[in-house]
Amino acid sequence: MITVGTVPERLARNRYAPDGQSHIQVDQDRARATGAAALLVRVCPAHVYSEAPDGTLAVQHAACLECGACLAVAPPGVLRWRYPRGGYGIAYRLG
């Protein structure tokens, strides 16, 4: 029988090279107007987003798995997202 391990164990195999410069920008006015914060908090598997009581969206970009789930559900204009600069971000490890 092959054991694949738990999700946290498997994610721990990945390497992260955090960039001091965020690759995720948020239009806070649009986020508040559309209620996007609650949606992004719910959909992000890495818990990158958190919502303040005033509807402001906080971003912990270093935790980003670069999966694109946030882009798929964010209302237009809420996020400006790009891949991290070369050499930064996540490096997936198999096995």
PDB file of N, CA and C in Angstrom:
ATOM      1  N   MET A   1       0.837  -1.170   0.000  1.00  0.00           N
ATOM      2  CA  MET A   1       0.000   0.000   0.000  1.00  0.00           C
ATOM      3  C   MET A   1       0.893   1.248   0.000  1.00  0.00           C
ATOM      4  N   ILE A   2       0.543   2.208  -0.815  1.00  0.00           N
ATOM      5  CA  ILE A   2       1.291   3.459  -0.893  1.00  0.00           C
ATOM      6  C   ILE A   2       0.618   4.491   0.002  1.00  0.00           C
ATOM      7  N   THR A   3       1.397   5.147   0.821  1.00  0.00           N
ATOM      8  CA  THR A   3       0.890   6.194   1.693  1.00  0.00           C
ATOM      9  C   THR A   3       1.313   7.544   1.127  1.00  0.00           C
ATOM     10  N   VAL A   4       0.346   8.433   0.937  1.00  0.00           N
ATOM     11  CA  VAL A   4       0.666   9.734   0.352  1.00  0.00           C
ATOM     12  C   VAL A   4       0.857  10.817   1.399  1.00  0.00           C
ATOM     13  N   GLY A   5       0.408  10.602   2.608  1.00  0.00           N
ATOM     14  CA  GLY A   5       0.575  11.601   3.656  1.00  0.00           C
ATOM     15  C   GLY A   5      -0.573  12.583   3.706  1.00  0.00           C
ATOM     16  N   THR A   6      -0.615  13.342   4.762  1.00  0.00           N
ATOM     17  CA  THR A   6      -1.663  14.345   4.922  1.00  0.00           C
ATOM     18  C   THR A   6      -1.347  15.568   4.057  1.00  0.00           C
ATOM     19  N   VAL A   7      -2.326  16.412   3.866  1.00  0.00           N
ATOM     20  CA  VAL A   7      -2.109  17.622   3.075  1.00  0.00           C
ATOM     21  C   VAL A   7      -1.008  18.489   3.690  1.00  0.00           C
ATOM     22  N   PRO A   8      -1.027  18.758   5.003  1.00  0.00           N
ATOM     23  CA  PRO A   8       0.067  19.561   5.563  1.00  0.00           C
ATOM     24  C   PRO A   8       1.447  18.925   5.363  1.00  0.00           C
ATOM     25  N   GLU A   9       1.515  17.589   5.487  1.00  0.00           N
ATOM     26  CA  GLU A   9       2.800  16.908   5.270  1.00  0.00           C
ATOM     27  C   GLU A   9       3.256  17.064   3.825  1.00  0.00           C
ATOM     28  N   ARG A  10       2.329  16.944   2.899  1.00  0.00           N
ATOM     29  CA  ARG A  10       2.676  17.065   1.485  1.00  0.00           C
ATOM     30  C   ARG A  10       3.061  18.494   1.127  1.00  0.00           C
ATOM     31  N   LEU A  11       2.349  19.469   1.683  1.00  0.00           N
ATOM     32  CA  LEU A  11       2.682  20.876   1.413  1.00  0.00           C
ATOM     33  C   LEU A  11       4.029  21.257   2.014  1.00  0.00           C
ATOM     34  N   ALA A  12       4.408  20.608   3.109  1.00  0.00           N
ATOM     35  CA  ALA A  12       5.683  20.912   3.757  1.00  0.00           C
ATOM     36  C   ALA A  12       6.871  20.545   2.884  1.00  0.00           C
ATOM     37  N   ARG A  13       6.672  19.707   1.880  1.00  0.00           N
ATOM     38  CA  ARG A  13       7.746  19.338   0.966  1.00  0.00           C
ATOM     39  C   ARG A  13       8.075  20.442  -0.029  1.00  0.00           C
ATOM     40  N   ASN A  14       7.148  21.364  -0.215  1.00  0.00           N
ATOM     41  CA  ASN A  14       7.363  22.453  -1.166  1.00  0.00           C
ATOM     42  C   ASN A  14       8.351  23.464  -0.612  1.00  0.00           C
ATOM     43  N   ARG A  15       9.007  24.181  -1.509  1.00  0.00           N
ATOM     44  CA  ARG A  15       9.904  25.263  -1.098  1.00  0.00           C
ATOM     45  C   ARG A  15       9.250  26.592  -1.419  1.00  0.00           C
ATOM     46  N   TYR A  16       9.425  27.542  -0.538  1.00  0.00           N
ATOM     47  CA  TYR A  16       8.891  28.878  -0.731  1.00  0.00           C
ATOM     48  C   TYR A  16      10.044  29.862  -0.708  1.00  0.00           C
ATOM     49  N   ALA A  17      10.061  30.751  -1.676  1.00  0.00           N
ATOM     50  CA  ALA A  17      11.037  31.831  -1.689  1.00  0.00           C
ATOM     51  C   ALA A  17      10.238  33.126  -1.671  1.00  0.00           C
ATOM     52  N   PRO A  18       9.906  33.631  -0.477  1.00  0.00           N
ATOM     53  CA  PRO A  18       9.062  34.823  -0.384  1.00  0.00           C
ATOM     54  C   PRO A  18       9.748  36.051  -0.979  1.00  0.00           C
ATOM     55  N   ASP A  19       8.969  36.813  -1.689  1.00  0.00           N
ATOM     56  CA  ASP A  19       9.421  38.063  -2.289  1.00  0.00           C
ATOM     57  C   ASP A  19       8.961  39.196  -1.378  1.00  0.00           C
ATOM     58  N   GLY A  20       9.776  40.162  -1.155  1.00  0.00           N
ATOM     59  CA  GLY A  20       9.391  41.311  -0.346  1.00  0.00           C
ATOM     60  C   GLY A  20       8.353  42.177  -1.028  1.00  0.00           C
ATOM     61  N   GLN A  21       8.150  41.939  -2.298  1.00  0.00           N
ATOM     62  CA  GLN A  21       7.211  42.716  -3.109  1.00  0.00           C
ATOM     63  C   GLN A  21       6.003  41.827  -3.411  1.00  0.00           C
ATOM     64  N   SER A  22       4.808  42.268  -3.038  1.00  0.00           N
ATOM     65  CA  SER A  22       3.611  41.454  -3.241  1.00  0.00           C
ATOM     66  C   SER A  22       3.243  41.343  -4.713  1.00  0.00           C
ATOM     67  N   HIS A  23       2.848  40.159  -5.116  1.00  0.00           N
ATOM     68  CA  HIS A  23       2.374  39.941  -6.475  1.00  0.00           C
ATOM     69  C   HIS A  23       0.849  40.044  -6.560  1.00  0.00           C
ATOM     70  N   ILE A  24       0.214  40.379  -5.429  1.00  0.00           N
ATOM     71  CA  ILE A  24      -1.236  40.523  -5.364  1.00  0.00           C
ATOM     72  C   ILE A  24      -1.564  41.935  -4.894  1.00  0.00           C
ATOM     73  N   GLN A  25      -2.310  42.663  -5.694  1.00  0.00           N
ATOM     74  CA  GLN A  25      -2.753  44.014  -5.333  1.00  0.00           C
ATOM     75  C   GLN A  25      -4.270  44.005  -5.246  1.00  0.00           C
ATOM     76  N   VAL A  26      -4.822  44.699  -4.263  1.00  0.00           N
ATOM     77  CA  VAL A  26      -6.266  44.720  -4.037  1.00  0.00           C
ATOM     78  C   VAL A  26      -6.790  46.138  -4.181  1.00  0.00           C
ATOM     79  N   ASP A  27      -7.853  46.312  -4.942  1.00  0.00           N
ATOM     80  CA  ASP A  27      -8.582  47.581  -4.985  1.00  0.00           C
ATOM     81  C   ASP A  27      -9.574  47.511  -3.825  1.00  0.00           C
ATOM     82  N   GLN A  28      -9.220  48.127  -2.704  1.00  0.00           N
ATOM     83  CA  GLN A  28     -10.008  48.012  -1.474  1.00  0.00           C
ATOM     84  C   GLN A  28     -11.418  48.566  -1.645  1.00  0.00           C
ATOM     85  N   ASP A  29     -11.575  49.658  -2.400  1.00  0.00           N
ATOM     86  CA  ASP A  29     -12.907  50.222  -2.605  1.00  0.00           C
ATOM     87  C   ASP A  29     -13.818  49.239  -3.325  1.00  0.00           C
ATOM     88  N   ARG A  30     -13.300  48.611  -4.378  1.00  0.00           N
ATOM     89  CA  ARG A  30     -14.102  47.619  -5.109  1.00  0.00           C
ATOM     90  C   ARG A  30     -14.358  46.383  -4.268  1.00  0.00           C
ATOM     91  N   ALA A  31     -13.371  45.988  -3.479  1.00  0.00           N
ATOM     92  CA  ALA A  31     -13.546  44.818  -2.617  1.00  0.00           C
ATOM     93  C   ALA A  31     -14.685  45.055  -1.628  1.00  0.00           C
ATOM     94  N   ARG A  32     -14.717  46.234  -1.024  1.00  0.00           N
ATOM     95  CA  ARG A  32     -15.795  46.555  -0.076  1.00  0.00           C
ATOM     96  C   ARG A  32     -17.137  46.668  -0.789  1.00  0.00           C
ATOM     97  N   ALA A  33     -17.154  47.326  -1.946  1.00  0.00           N
ATOM     98  CA  ALA A  33     -18.406  47.546  -2.681  1.00  0.00           C
ATOM     99  C   ALA A  33     -19.027  46.241  -3.174  1.00  0.00           C
ATOM    100  N   THR A  34     -18.204  45.266  -3.491  1.00  0.00           N
ATOM    101  CA  THR A  34     -18.703  44.008  -4.040  1.00  0.00           C
ATOM    102  C   THR A  34     -18.821  42.899  -3.000  1.00  0.00           C
ATOM    103  N   GLY A  35     -18.308  43.134  -1.805  1.00  0.00           N
ATOM    104  CA  GLY A  35     -18.313  42.089  -0.782  1.00  0.00           C
ATOM    105  C   GLY A  35     -17.363  40.947  -1.116  1.00  0.00           C
ATOM    106  N   ALA A  36     -16.333  41.239  -1.896  1.00  0.00           N
ATOM    107  CA  ALA A  36     -15.407  40.218  -2.375  1.00  0.00           C
ATOM    108  C   ALA A  36     -14.575  39.602  -1.259  1.00  0.00           C
ATOM    109  N   ALA A  37     -14.344  40.317  -0.180  1.00  0.00           N
ATOM    110  CA  ALA A  37     -13.459  39.821   0.869  1.00  0.00           C
ATOM    111  C   ALA A  37     -13.923  38.479   1.416  1.00  0.00           C
ATOM    112  N   ALA A  38     -15.184  38.365   1.754  1.00  0.00           N
ATOM    113  CA  ALA A  38     -15.697  37.115   2.324  1.00  0.00           C
ATOM    114  C   ALA A  38     -15.535  35.962   1.338  1.00  0.00           C
ATOM    115  N   LEU A  39     -15.753  36.224   0.061  1.00  0.00           N
ATOM    116  CA  LEU A  39     -15.612  35.200  -0.966  1.00  0.00           C
ATOM    117  C   LEU A  39     -14.156  34.745  -1.109  1.00  0.00           C
ATOM    118  N   LEU A  40     -13.239  35.690  -1.126  1.00  0.00           N
ATOM    119  CA  LEU A  40     -11.821  35.350  -1.274  1.00  0.00           C
ATOM    120  C   LEU A  40     -11.296  34.603  -0.056  1.00  0.00           C
ATOM    121  N   VAL A  41     -11.726  34.999   1.116  1.00  0.00           N
ATOM    122  CA  VAL A  41     -11.333  34.290   2.341  1.00  0.00           C
ATOM    123  C   VAL A  41     -11.794  32.846   2.266  1.00  0.00           C
ATOM    124  N   ARG A  42     -13.014  32.634   1.785  1.00  0.00           N
ATOM    125  CA  ARG A  42     -13.597  31.292   1.719  1.00  0.00           C
ATOM    126  C   ARG A  42     -12.933  30.401   0.670  1.00  0.00           C
ATOM    127  N   VAL A  43     -12.538  30.969  -0.475  1.00  0.00           N
ATOM    128  CA  VAL A  43     -12.075  30.144  -1.590  1.00  0.00           C
ATOM    129  C   VAL A  43     -10.572  29.848  -1.556  1.00  0.00           C
ATOM    130  N   CYS A  44      -9.772  30.653  -0.898  1.00  0.00           N
ATOM    131  CA  CYS A  44      -8.316  30.487  -0.936  1.00  0.00           C
ATOM    132  C   CYS A  44      -7.868  29.298  -0.092  1.00  0.00           C
ATOM    133  N   PRO A  45      -7.263  28.277  -0.724  1.00  0.00           N
ATOM    134  CA  PRO A  45      -6.833  27.108   0.043  1.00  0.00           C
ATOM    135  C   PRO A  45      -5.647  27.377   0.958  1.00  0.00           C
ATOM    136  N   ALA A  46      -4.904  28.449   0.718  1.00  0.00           N
ATOM    137  CA  ALA A  46      -3.716  28.757   1.516  1.00  0.00           C
ATOM    138  C   ALA A  46      -3.983  29.803   2.595  1.00  0.00           C
ATOM    139  N   HIS A  47      -5.212  30.256   2.704  1.00  0.00           N
ATOM    140  CA  HIS A  47      -5.589  31.270   3.698  1.00  0.00           C
ATOM    141  C   HIS A  47      -4.759  32.544   3.547  1.00  0.00           C
ATOM    142  N   VAL A  48      -4.578  32.971   2.304  1.00  0.00           N
ATOM    143  CA  VAL A  48      -3.812  34.179   2.004  1.00  0.00           C
ATOM    144  C   VAL A  48      -4.583  35.427   2.415  1.00  0.00           C
ATOM    145  N   TYR A  49      -5.907  35.380   2.302  1.00  0.00           N
ATOM    146  CA  TYR A  49      -6.747  36.548   2.534  1.00  0.00           C
ATOM    147  C   TYR A  49      -7.415  36.506   3.898  1.00  0.00           C
ATOM    148  N   SER A  50      -7.572  37.688   4.493  1.00  0.00           N
ATOM    149  CA  SER A  50      -8.357  37.824   5.711  1.00  0.00           C
ATOM    150  C   SER A  50      -9.114  39.141   5.620  1.00  0.00           C
ATOM    151  N   GLU A  51     -10.287  39.165   6.246  1.00  0.00           N
ATOM    152  CA  GLU A  51     -11.150  40.342   6.173  1.00  0.00           C
ATOM    153  C   GLU A  51     -11.208  41.053   7.508  1.00  0.00           C
ATOM    154  N   ALA A  52     -11.003  42.364   7.467  1.00  0.00           N
ATOM    155  CA  ALA A  52     -11.132  43.197   8.660  1.00  0.00           C
ATOM    156  C   ALA A  52     -12.614  43.541   8.854  1.00  0.00           C
ATOM    157  N   PRO A  53     -13.002  43.955  10.058  1.00  0.00           N
ATOM    158  CA  PRO A  53     -14.402  44.299  10.313  1.00  0.00           C
ATOM    159  C   PRO A  53     -14.962  45.364   9.360  1.00  0.00           C
ATOM    160  N   ASP A  54     -14.095  46.247   8.855  1.00  0.00           N
ATOM    161  CA  ASP A  54     -14.572  47.292   7.946  1.00  0.00           C
ATOM    162  C   ASP A  54     -14.636  46.827   6.484  1.00  0.00           C
ATOM    163  N   GLY A  55     -14.374  45.539   6.235  1.00  0.00           N
ATOM    164  CA  GLY A  55     -14.436  45.007   4.875  1.00  0.00           C
ATOM    165  C   GLY A  55     -13.130  45.087   4.117  1.00  0.00           C
ATOM    166  N   THR A  56     -12.096  45.633   4.750  1.00  0.00           N
ATOM    167  CA  THR A  56     -10.784  45.708   4.117  1.00  0.00           C
ATOM    168  C   THR A  56     -10.209  44.303   3.986  1.00  0.00           C
ATOM    169  N   LEU A  57      -9.530  44.062   2.890  1.00  0.00           N
ATOM    170  CA  LEU A  57      -8.966  42.752   2.609  1.00  0.00           C
ATOM    171  C   LEU A  57      -7.461  42.786   2.843  1.00  0.00           C
ATOM    172  N   ALA A  58      -6.981  41.967   3.778  1.00  0.00           N
ATOM    173  CA  ALA A  58      -5.546  41.851   4.035  1.00  0.00           C
ATOM    174  C   ALA A  58      -5.004  40.673   3.241  1.00  0.00           C
ATOM    175  N   VAL A  59      -3.768  40.801   2.764  1.00  0.00           N
ATOM    176  CA  VAL A  59      -3.154  39.777   1.919  1.00  0.00           C
ATOM    177  C   VAL A  59      -1.806  39.369   2.501  1.00  0.00           C
ATOM    178  N   GLN A  60      -1.619  38.067   2.710  1.00  0.00           N
ATOM    179  CA  GLN A  60      -0.332  37.501   3.126  1.00  0.00           C
ATOM    180  C   GLN A  60       0.258  36.809   1.896  1.00  0.00           C
ATOM    181  N   HIS A  61       0.839  37.575   0.996  1.00  0.00           N
ATOM    182  CA  HIS A  61       1.244  37.063  -0.313  1.00  0.00           C
ATOM    183  C   HIS A  61       2.286  35.948  -0.247  1.00  0.00           C
ATOM    184  N   ALA A  62       3.072  35.902   0.806  1.00  0.00           N
ATOM    185  CA  ALA A  62       4.117  34.885   0.903  1.00  0.00           C
ATOM    186  C   ALA A  62       3.537  33.481   1.035  1.00  0.00           C
ATOM    187  N   ALA A  63       2.293  33.355   1.473  1.00  0.00           N
ATOM    188  CA  ALA A  63       1.666  32.046   1.633  1.00  0.00           C
ATOM    189  C   ALA A  63       0.989  31.548   0.355  1.00  0.00           C
ATOM    190  N   CYS A  64       0.978  32.348  -0.676  1.00  0.00           N
ATOM    191  CA  CYS A  64       0.228  32.046  -1.898  1.00  0.00           C
ATOM    192  C   CYS A  64       0.761  30.791  -2.601  1.00  0.00           C
ATOM    193  N   LEU A  65      -0.166  29.896  -2.970  1.00  0.00           N
ATOM    194  CA  LEU A  65       0.175  28.684  -3.708  1.00  0.00           C
ATOM    195  C   LEU A  65       0.121  28.906  -5.217  1.00  0.00           C
ATOM    196  N   GLU A  66      -0.235  30.099  -5.642  1.00  0.00           N
ATOM    197  CA  GLU A  66      -0.299  30.475  -7.057  1.00  0.00           C
ATOM    198  C   GLU A  66      -1.253  29.589  -7.843  1.00  0.00           C
ATOM    199  N   CYS A  67      -2.364  29.205  -7.210  1.00  0.00           N
ATOM    200  CA  CYS A  67      -3.327  28.301  -7.844  1.00  0.00           C
ATOM    201  C   CYS A  67      -4.317  29.029  -8.739  1.00  0.00           C
ATOM    202  N   GLY A  68      -4.547  30.323  -8.493  1.00  0.00           N
ATOM    203  CA  GLY A  68      -5.462  31.094  -9.323  1.00  0.00           C
ATOM    204  C   GLY A  68      -6.908  31.041  -8.888  1.00  0.00           C
ATOM    205  N   ALA A  69      -7.212  30.373  -7.772  1.00  0.00           N
ATOM    206  CA  ALA A  69      -8.601  30.281  -7.315  1.00  0.00           C
ATOM    207  C   ALA A  69      -9.184  31.674  -7.061  1.00  0.00           C
ATOM    208  N   CYS A  70      -8.390  32.565  -6.503  1.00  0.00           N
ATOM    209  CA  CYS A  70      -8.887  33.914  -6.210  1.00  0.00           C
ATOM    210  C   CYS A  70      -9.254  34.662  -7.497  1.00  0.00           C
ATOM    211  N   LEU A  71      -8.458  34.483  -8.527  1.00  0.00           N
ATOM    212  CA  LEU A  71      -8.743  35.145  -9.800  1.00  0.00           C
ATOM    213  C   LEU A  71     -10.015  34.611 -10.440  1.00  0.00           C
ATOM    214  N   ALA A  72     -10.284  33.339 -10.223  1.00  0.00           N
ATOM    215  CA  ALA A  72     -11.458  32.721 -10.825  1.00  0.00           C
ATOM    216  C   ALA A  72     -12.765  33.249 -10.225  1.00  0.00           C
ATOM    217  N   VAL A  73     -12.734  33.681  -8.969  1.00  0.00           N
ATOM    218  CA  VAL A  73     -13.970  34.096  -8.302  1.00  0.00           C
ATOM    219  C   VAL A  73     -14.059  35.582  -7.988  1.00  0.00           C
ATOM    220  N   ALA A  74     -12.962  36.304  -8.034  1.00  0.00           N
ATOM    221  CA  ALA A  74     -12.982  37.731  -7.671  1.00  0.00           C
ATOM    222  C   ALA A  74     -13.783  38.527  -8.697  1.00  0.00           C
ATOM    223  N   PRO A  75     -14.623  39.454  -8.232  1.00  0.00           N
ATOM    224  CA  PRO A  75     -15.316  40.329  -9.161  1.00  0.00           C
ATOM    225  C   PRO A  75     -14.301  41.147  -9.971  1.00  0.00           C
ATOM    226  N   PRO A  76     -14.649  41.512 -11.192  1.00  0.00           N
ATOM    227  CA  PRO A  76     -13.714  42.264 -12.042  1.00  0.00           C
ATOM    228  C   PRO A  76     -13.183  43.526 -11.348  1.00  0.00           C
ATOM    229  N   GLY A  77     -11.869  43.719 -11.459  1.00  0.00           N
ATOM    230  CA  GLY A  77     -11.231  44.916 -10.933  1.00  0.00           C
ATOM    231  C   GLY A  77     -10.825  44.871  -9.475  1.00  0.00           C
ATOM    232  N   VAL A  78     -11.189  43.815  -8.755  1.00  0.00           N
ATOM    233  CA  VAL A  78     -10.847  43.725  -7.332  1.00  0.00           C
ATOM    234  C   VAL A  78      -9.375  43.368  -7.152  1.00  0.00           C
ATOM    235  N   LEU A  79      -8.879  42.408  -7.935  1.00  0.00           N
ATOM    236  CA  LEU A  79      -7.496  41.951  -7.807  1.00  0.00           C
ATOM    237  C   LEU A  79      -6.674  42.284  -9.046  1.00  0.00           C
ATOM    238  N   ARG A  80      -5.434  42.644  -8.794  1.00  0.00           N
ATOM    239  CA  ARG A  80      -4.403  42.662  -9.839  1.00  0.00           C
ATOM    240  C   ARG A  80      -3.398  41.625  -9.372  1.00  0.00           C
ATOM    241  N   TRP A  81      -3.282  40.556 -10.115  1.00  0.00           N
ATOM    242  CA  TRP A  81      -2.481  39.414  -9.709  1.00  0.00           C
ATOM    243  C   TRP A  81      -1.520  39.062 -10.828  1.00  0.00           C
ATOM    244  N   ARG A  82      -0.297  38.770 -10.468  1.00  0.00           N
ATOM    245  CA  ARG A  82       0.690  38.301 -11.438  1.00  0.00           C
ATOM    246  C   ARG A  82       1.532  37.255 -10.720  1.00  0.00           C
ATOM    247  N   TYR A  83       2.253  36.462 -11.483  1.00  0.00           N
ATOM    248  CA  TYR A  83       3.153  35.512 -10.843  1.00  0.00           C
ATOM    249  C   TYR A  83       4.289  36.281 -10.177  1.00  0.00           C
ATOM    250  N   PRO A  84       4.858  35.750  -9.092  1.00  0.00           N
ATOM    251  CA  PRO A  84       5.999  36.414  -8.454  1.00  0.00           C
ATOM    252  C   PRO A  84       7.174  36.531  -9.428  1.00  0.00           C
ATOM    253  N   ARG A  85       8.044  37.469  -9.123  1.00  0.00           N
ATOM    254  CA  ARG A  85       9.248  37.648  -9.947  1.00  0.00           C
ATOM    255  C   ARG A  85      10.033  36.351 -10.006  1.00  0.00           C
ATOM    256  N   GLY A  86      10.829  36.207 -11.053  1.00  0.00           N
ATOM    257  CA  GLY A  86      11.626  34.997 -11.242  1.00  0.00           C
ATOM    258  C   GLY A  86      12.447  34.647 -10.011  1.00  0.00           C
ATOM    259  N   GLY A  87      12.396  33.387  -9.641  1.00  0.00           N
ATOM    260  CA  GLY A  87      13.156  32.911  -8.493  1.00  0.00           C
ATOM    261  C   GLY A  87      12.384  33.006  -7.170  1.00  0.00           C
ATOM    262  N   TYR A  88      11.219  33.639  -7.188  1.00  0.00           N
ATOM    263  CA  TYR A  88      10.413  33.773  -5.976  1.00  0.00           C
ATOM    264  C   TYR A  88       9.130  32.992  -6.125  1.00  0.00           C
ATOM    265  N   GLY A  89       8.426  32.817  -5.010  1.00  0.00           N
ATOM    266  CA  GLY A  89       7.161  32.109  -5.024  1.00  0.00           C
ATOM    267  C   GLY A  89       7.340  30.673  -4.567  1.00  0.00           C
ATOM    268  N   ILE A  90       6.452  29.817  -5.025  1.00  0.00           N
ATOM    269  CA  ILE A  90       6.450  28.428  -4.584  1.00  0.00           C
ATOM    270  C   ILE A  90       7.157  27.548  -5.607  1.00  0.00           C
ATOM    271  N   ALA A  91       7.867  26.564  -5.125  1.00  0.00           N
ATOM    272  CA  ALA A  91       8.473  25.527  -5.959  1.00  0.00           C
ATOM    273  C   ALA A  91       7.929  24.202  -5.459  1.00  0.00           C
ATOM    274  N   TYR A  92       7.057  23.590  -6.231  1.00  0.00           N
ATOM    275  CA  TYR A  92       6.421  22.334  -5.818  1.00  0.00           C
ATOM    276  C   TYR A  92       7.399  21.177  -5.873  1.00  0.00           C
ATOM    277  N   ARG A  93       7.329  20.326  -4.852  1.00  0.00           N
ATOM    278  CA  ARG A  93       8.147  19.117  -4.781  1.00  0.00           C
ATOM    279  C   ARG A  93       7.230  17.920  -4.870  1.00  0.00           C
ATOM    280  N   LEU A  94       7.545  17.013  -5.713  1.00  0.00           N
ATOM    281  CA  LEU A  94       6.756  15.789  -5.824  1.00  0.00           C
ATOM    282  C   LEU A  94       7.347  14.732  -4.923  1.00  0.00           C
ATOM    283  N   GLY A  95       6.481  13.815  -4.486  1.00  0.00           N
ATOM    284  CA  GLY A  95       6.987  12.704  -3.697  1.00  0.00           C
ATOM    285  C   GLY A  95       6.758  12.839  -2.243  1.00  0.00           C
TER     286      GLY A  95
END
